[in-house]
Amino acid sequence: MTSWQITRIVGGTFILLSLALGAPGSPIFHSANWLWFTAFVGANFLQSGFSKWCLMEVIMRKLGARPGECQTQA
């Protein structure tokens, strides 16, 4: 997998897990403060979309993930 794929998988997992832990109707609800983590991950995705720089991707590359471009179907 490429660094961008790993970043999106980890980010999506963090968002879903923190929503499950922070939403009062969830069966694994712990504290509404988990929603701050959801906002943090979302804000990082947003800034990386504008700046084209993501710390998680830098870390993934240093751990050996190969860099790659997000390819879309035309």
N, C-alpha and C. Protein backbone atom coordinates (compact mmCIF):
# COMPACT_ATOMS: atom_id res chain seq x y z
N MET A 1 0.83 -1.18 0.00
CA MET A 1 0.00 0.00 0.00
C MET A 1 0.88 1.24 0.00
N THR A 2 0.32 2.31 -0.52
CA THR A 2 1.07 3.56 -0.56
C THR A 2 0.76 4.39 0.69
N SER A 3 1.60 5.40 0.92
CA SER A 3 1.45 6.22 2.11
C SER A 3 0.09 6.93 2.15
N TRP A 4 -0.41 7.36 1.00
CA TRP A 4 -1.71 8.05 1.01
C TRP A 4 -2.84 7.09 1.34
N GLN A 5 -2.73 5.83 0.90
CA GLN A 5 -3.77 4.86 1.22
C GLN A 5 -3.78 4.55 2.72
N ILE A 6 -2.61 4.35 3.28
CA ILE A 6 -2.51 4.06 4.71
C ILE A 6 -3.04 5.23 5.52
N THR A 7 -2.69 6.44 5.13
CA THR A 7 -3.14 7.64 5.84
C THR A 7 -4.66 7.72 5.85
N ARG A 8 -5.29 7.48 4.73
CA ARG A 8 -6.75 7.57 4.66
C ARG A 8 -7.43 6.44 5.44
N ILE A 9 -6.84 5.25 5.41
CA ILE A 9 -7.40 4.13 6.18
C ILE A 9 -7.30 4.41 7.68
N VAL A 10 -6.14 4.87 8.13
CA VAL A 10 -5.96 5.18 9.54
C VAL A 10 -6.85 6.35 9.95
N GLY A 11 -6.90 7.40 9.15
CA GLY A 11 -7.75 8.55 9.45
C GLY A 11 -9.22 8.18 9.53
N GLY A 12 -9.69 7.40 8.57
CA GLY A 12 -11.08 6.96 8.59
C GLY A 12 -11.40 6.10 9.78
N THR A 13 -10.46 5.22 10.15
CA THR A 13 -10.63 4.38 11.34
C THR A 13 -10.70 5.23 12.60
N PHE A 14 -9.80 6.22 12.71
CA PHE A 14 -9.81 7.12 13.88
C PHE A 14 -11.13 7.86 13.97
N ILE A 15 -11.64 8.35 12.84
CA ILE A 15 -12.90 9.09 12.85
C ILE A 15 -14.06 8.20 13.29
N LEU A 16 -14.16 7.01 12.71
CA LEU A 16 -15.27 6.12 13.07
C LEU A 16 -15.19 5.67 14.52
N LEU A 17 -13.98 5.34 14.99
CA LEU A 17 -13.81 4.91 16.37
C LEU A 17 -14.12 6.03 17.36
N SER A 18 -13.62 7.24 17.07
CA SER A 18 -13.88 8.35 18.00
C SER A 18 -15.35 8.75 17.99
N LEU A 19 -16.03 8.62 16.86
CA LEU A 19 -17.48 8.87 16.83
C LEU A 19 -18.21 7.83 17.66
N ALA A 20 -17.81 6.57 17.54
CA ALA A 20 -18.45 5.51 18.32
C ALA A 20 -18.23 5.73 19.82
N LEU A 21 -17.05 6.21 20.19
CA LEU A 21 -16.76 6.45 21.61
C LEU A 21 -17.39 7.74 22.12
N GLY A 22 -17.69 8.69 21.21
CA GLY A 22 -18.18 10.00 21.64
C GLY A 22 -19.65 10.26 21.44
N ALA A 23 -20.32 9.45 20.65
CA ALA A 23 -21.75 9.67 20.39
C ALA A 23 -22.58 8.99 21.49
N PRO A 24 -23.43 9.75 22.18
CA PRO A 24 -24.20 9.19 23.30
C PRO A 24 -25.06 7.97 22.94
N GLY A 25 -25.51 7.85 21.72
CA GLY A 25 -26.35 6.72 21.34
C GLY A 25 -25.57 5.46 20.99
N SER A 26 -24.26 5.53 20.99
CA SER A 26 -23.42 4.40 20.61
C SER A 26 -23.36 3.34 21.72
N PRO A 27 -23.32 2.07 21.33
CA PRO A 27 -23.20 1.03 22.36
C PRO A 27 -21.85 1.03 23.09
N ILE A 28 -20.84 1.67 22.52
CA ILE A 28 -19.54 1.73 23.19
C ILE A 28 -19.21 3.16 23.65
N PHE A 29 -20.26 3.96 23.86
CA PHE A 29 -20.08 5.35 24.30
C PHE A 29 -19.23 5.39 25.57
N HIS A 30 -18.27 6.32 25.56
CA HIS A 30 -17.41 6.52 26.73
C HIS A 30 -17.52 7.94 27.26
N SER A 31 -17.27 8.92 26.37
CA SER A 31 -17.32 10.33 26.76
C SER A 31 -17.50 11.18 25.51
N ALA A 32 -18.29 12.24 25.64
CA ALA A 32 -18.50 13.14 24.51
C ALA A 32 -17.21 13.86 24.12
N ASN A 33 -16.22 13.85 24.99
CA ASN A 33 -14.94 14.50 24.68
C ASN A 33 -14.20 13.82 23.52
N TRP A 34 -14.56 12.58 23.19
CA TRP A 34 -13.96 11.91 22.03
C TRP A 34 -14.28 12.64 20.73
N LEU A 35 -15.35 13.42 20.73
CA LEU A 35 -15.71 14.16 19.52
C LEU A 35 -14.66 15.21 19.18
N TRP A 36 -13.89 15.68 20.18
CA TRP A 36 -12.78 16.61 19.89
C TRP A 36 -11.72 15.92 19.04
N PHE A 37 -11.49 14.64 19.27
CA PHE A 37 -10.53 13.89 18.46
C PHE A 37 -11.04 13.77 17.02
N THR A 38 -12.34 13.54 16.87
CA THR A 38 -12.95 13.49 15.54
C THR A 38 -12.70 14.81 14.80
N ALA A 39 -12.92 15.92 15.51
CA ALA A 39 -12.71 17.24 14.91
C ALA A 39 -11.24 17.45 14.54
N PHE A 40 -10.33 16.99 15.38
CA PHE A 40 -8.90 17.12 15.12
C PHE A 40 -8.50 16.38 13.84
N VAL A 41 -8.96 15.15 13.69
CA VAL A 41 -8.63 14.37 12.49
C VAL A 41 -9.24 15.02 11.25
N GLY A 42 -10.49 15.46 11.35
CA GLY A 42 -11.14 16.14 10.23
C GLY A 42 -10.42 17.41 9.83
N ALA A 43 -9.98 18.19 10.82
CA ALA A 43 -9.24 19.43 10.54
C ALA A 43 -7.91 19.12 9.85
N ASN A 44 -7.26 18.04 10.24
CA ASN A 44 -6.01 17.66 9.58
C ASN A 44 -6.24 17.24 8.14
N PHE A 45 -7.32 16.50 7.88
CA PHE A 45 -7.65 16.14 6.50
C PHE A 45 -7.92 17.40 5.68
N LEU A 46 -8.64 18.35 6.27
CA LEU A 46 -8.96 19.59 5.58
C LEU A 46 -7.70 20.39 5.24
N GLN A 47 -6.81 20.58 6.20
CA GLN A 47 -5.59 21.35 5.93
C GLN A 47 -4.71 20.63 4.93
N SER A 48 -4.65 19.30 4.96
CA SER A 48 -3.81 18.60 3.99
C SER A 48 -4.37 18.70 2.58
N GLY A 49 -5.68 18.84 2.48
CA GLY A 49 -6.30 19.04 1.17
C GLY A 49 -5.91 20.36 0.53
N PHE A 50 -5.76 21.39 1.37
CA PHE A 50 -5.37 22.70 0.87
C PHE A 50 -3.86 22.84 0.71
N SER A 51 -3.11 22.31 1.67
CA SER A 51 -1.66 22.53 1.66
C SER A 51 -0.89 21.43 0.91
N LYS A 52 -1.55 20.30 0.66
CA LYS A 52 -0.91 19.15 0.02
C LYS A 52 0.26 18.61 0.85
N TRP A 53 0.19 18.79 2.19
CA TRP A 53 1.18 18.27 3.11
C TRP A 53 0.46 17.61 4.27
N CYS A 54 0.91 16.42 4.63
CA CYS A 54 0.27 15.68 5.71
C CYS A 54 1.36 15.00 6.54
N LEU A 55 1.40 15.30 7.82
CA LEU A 55 2.41 14.72 8.70
C LEU A 55 2.31 13.20 8.75
N MET A 56 1.11 12.68 8.74
CA MET A 56 0.92 11.22 8.78
C MET A 56 1.58 10.55 7.57
N GLU A 57 1.46 11.16 6.39
CA GLU A 57 2.09 10.59 5.21
C GLU A 57 3.61 10.64 5.32
N VAL A 58 4.14 11.71 5.89
CA VAL A 58 5.59 11.82 6.10
C VAL A 58 6.05 10.70 7.03
N ILE A 59 5.30 10.47 8.10
CA ILE A 59 5.64 9.40 9.04
C ILE A 59 5.56 8.04 8.36
N MET A 60 4.52 7.81 7.58
CA MET A 60 4.37 6.53 6.89
C MET A 60 5.53 6.27 5.94
N ARG A 61 5.97 7.31 5.22
CA ARG A 61 7.10 7.14 4.31
C ARG A 61 8.38 6.81 5.07
N LYS A 62 8.58 7.46 6.22
CA LYS A 62 9.77 7.18 7.02
C LYS A 62 9.74 5.77 7.60
N LEU A 63 8.53 5.22 7.77
CA LEU A 63 8.39 3.84 8.25
C LEU A 63 8.48 2.82 7.12
N GLY A 64 8.65 3.30 5.90
CA GLY A 64 8.88 2.40 4.78
C GLY A 64 7.76 2.27 3.77
N ALA A 65 6.65 2.95 3.98
CA ALA A 65 5.57 2.89 2.99
C ALA A 65 6.02 3.64 1.74
N ARG A 66 5.67 3.10 0.60
CA ARG A 66 6.09 3.78 -0.63
C ARG A 66 5.17 4.95 -0.93
N PRO A 67 5.76 6.04 -1.41
CA PRO A 67 4.92 7.17 -1.77
C PRO A 67 4.07 6.84 -2.99
N GLY A 68 2.96 7.49 -3.13
CA GLY A 68 2.11 7.24 -4.27
C GLY A 68 1.15 8.39 -4.47
N GLU A 69 0.65 8.50 -5.66
CA GLU A 69 -0.32 9.53 -5.99
C GLU A 69 -1.71 8.92 -5.97
N CYS A 70 -2.66 9.71 -5.54
CA CYS A 70 -4.06 9.29 -5.58
C CYS A 70 -4.49 9.34 -7.05
N GLN A 71 -4.91 8.21 -7.58
CA GLN A 71 -5.29 8.16 -8.98
C GLN A 71 -6.79 8.04 -9.09
N THR A 72 -7.38 8.85 -9.93
CA THR A 72 -8.82 8.82 -10.15
C THR A 72 -9.13 8.32 -11.55
N GLN A 73 -10.27 7.77 -11.70
CA GLN A 73 -10.72 7.30 -13.01
C GLN A 73 -11.28 8.47 -13.80
N ALA A 74 -10.89 8.62 -15.05
CA ALA A 74 -11.39 9.71 -15.87
C ALA A 74 -12.57 9.27 -16.69
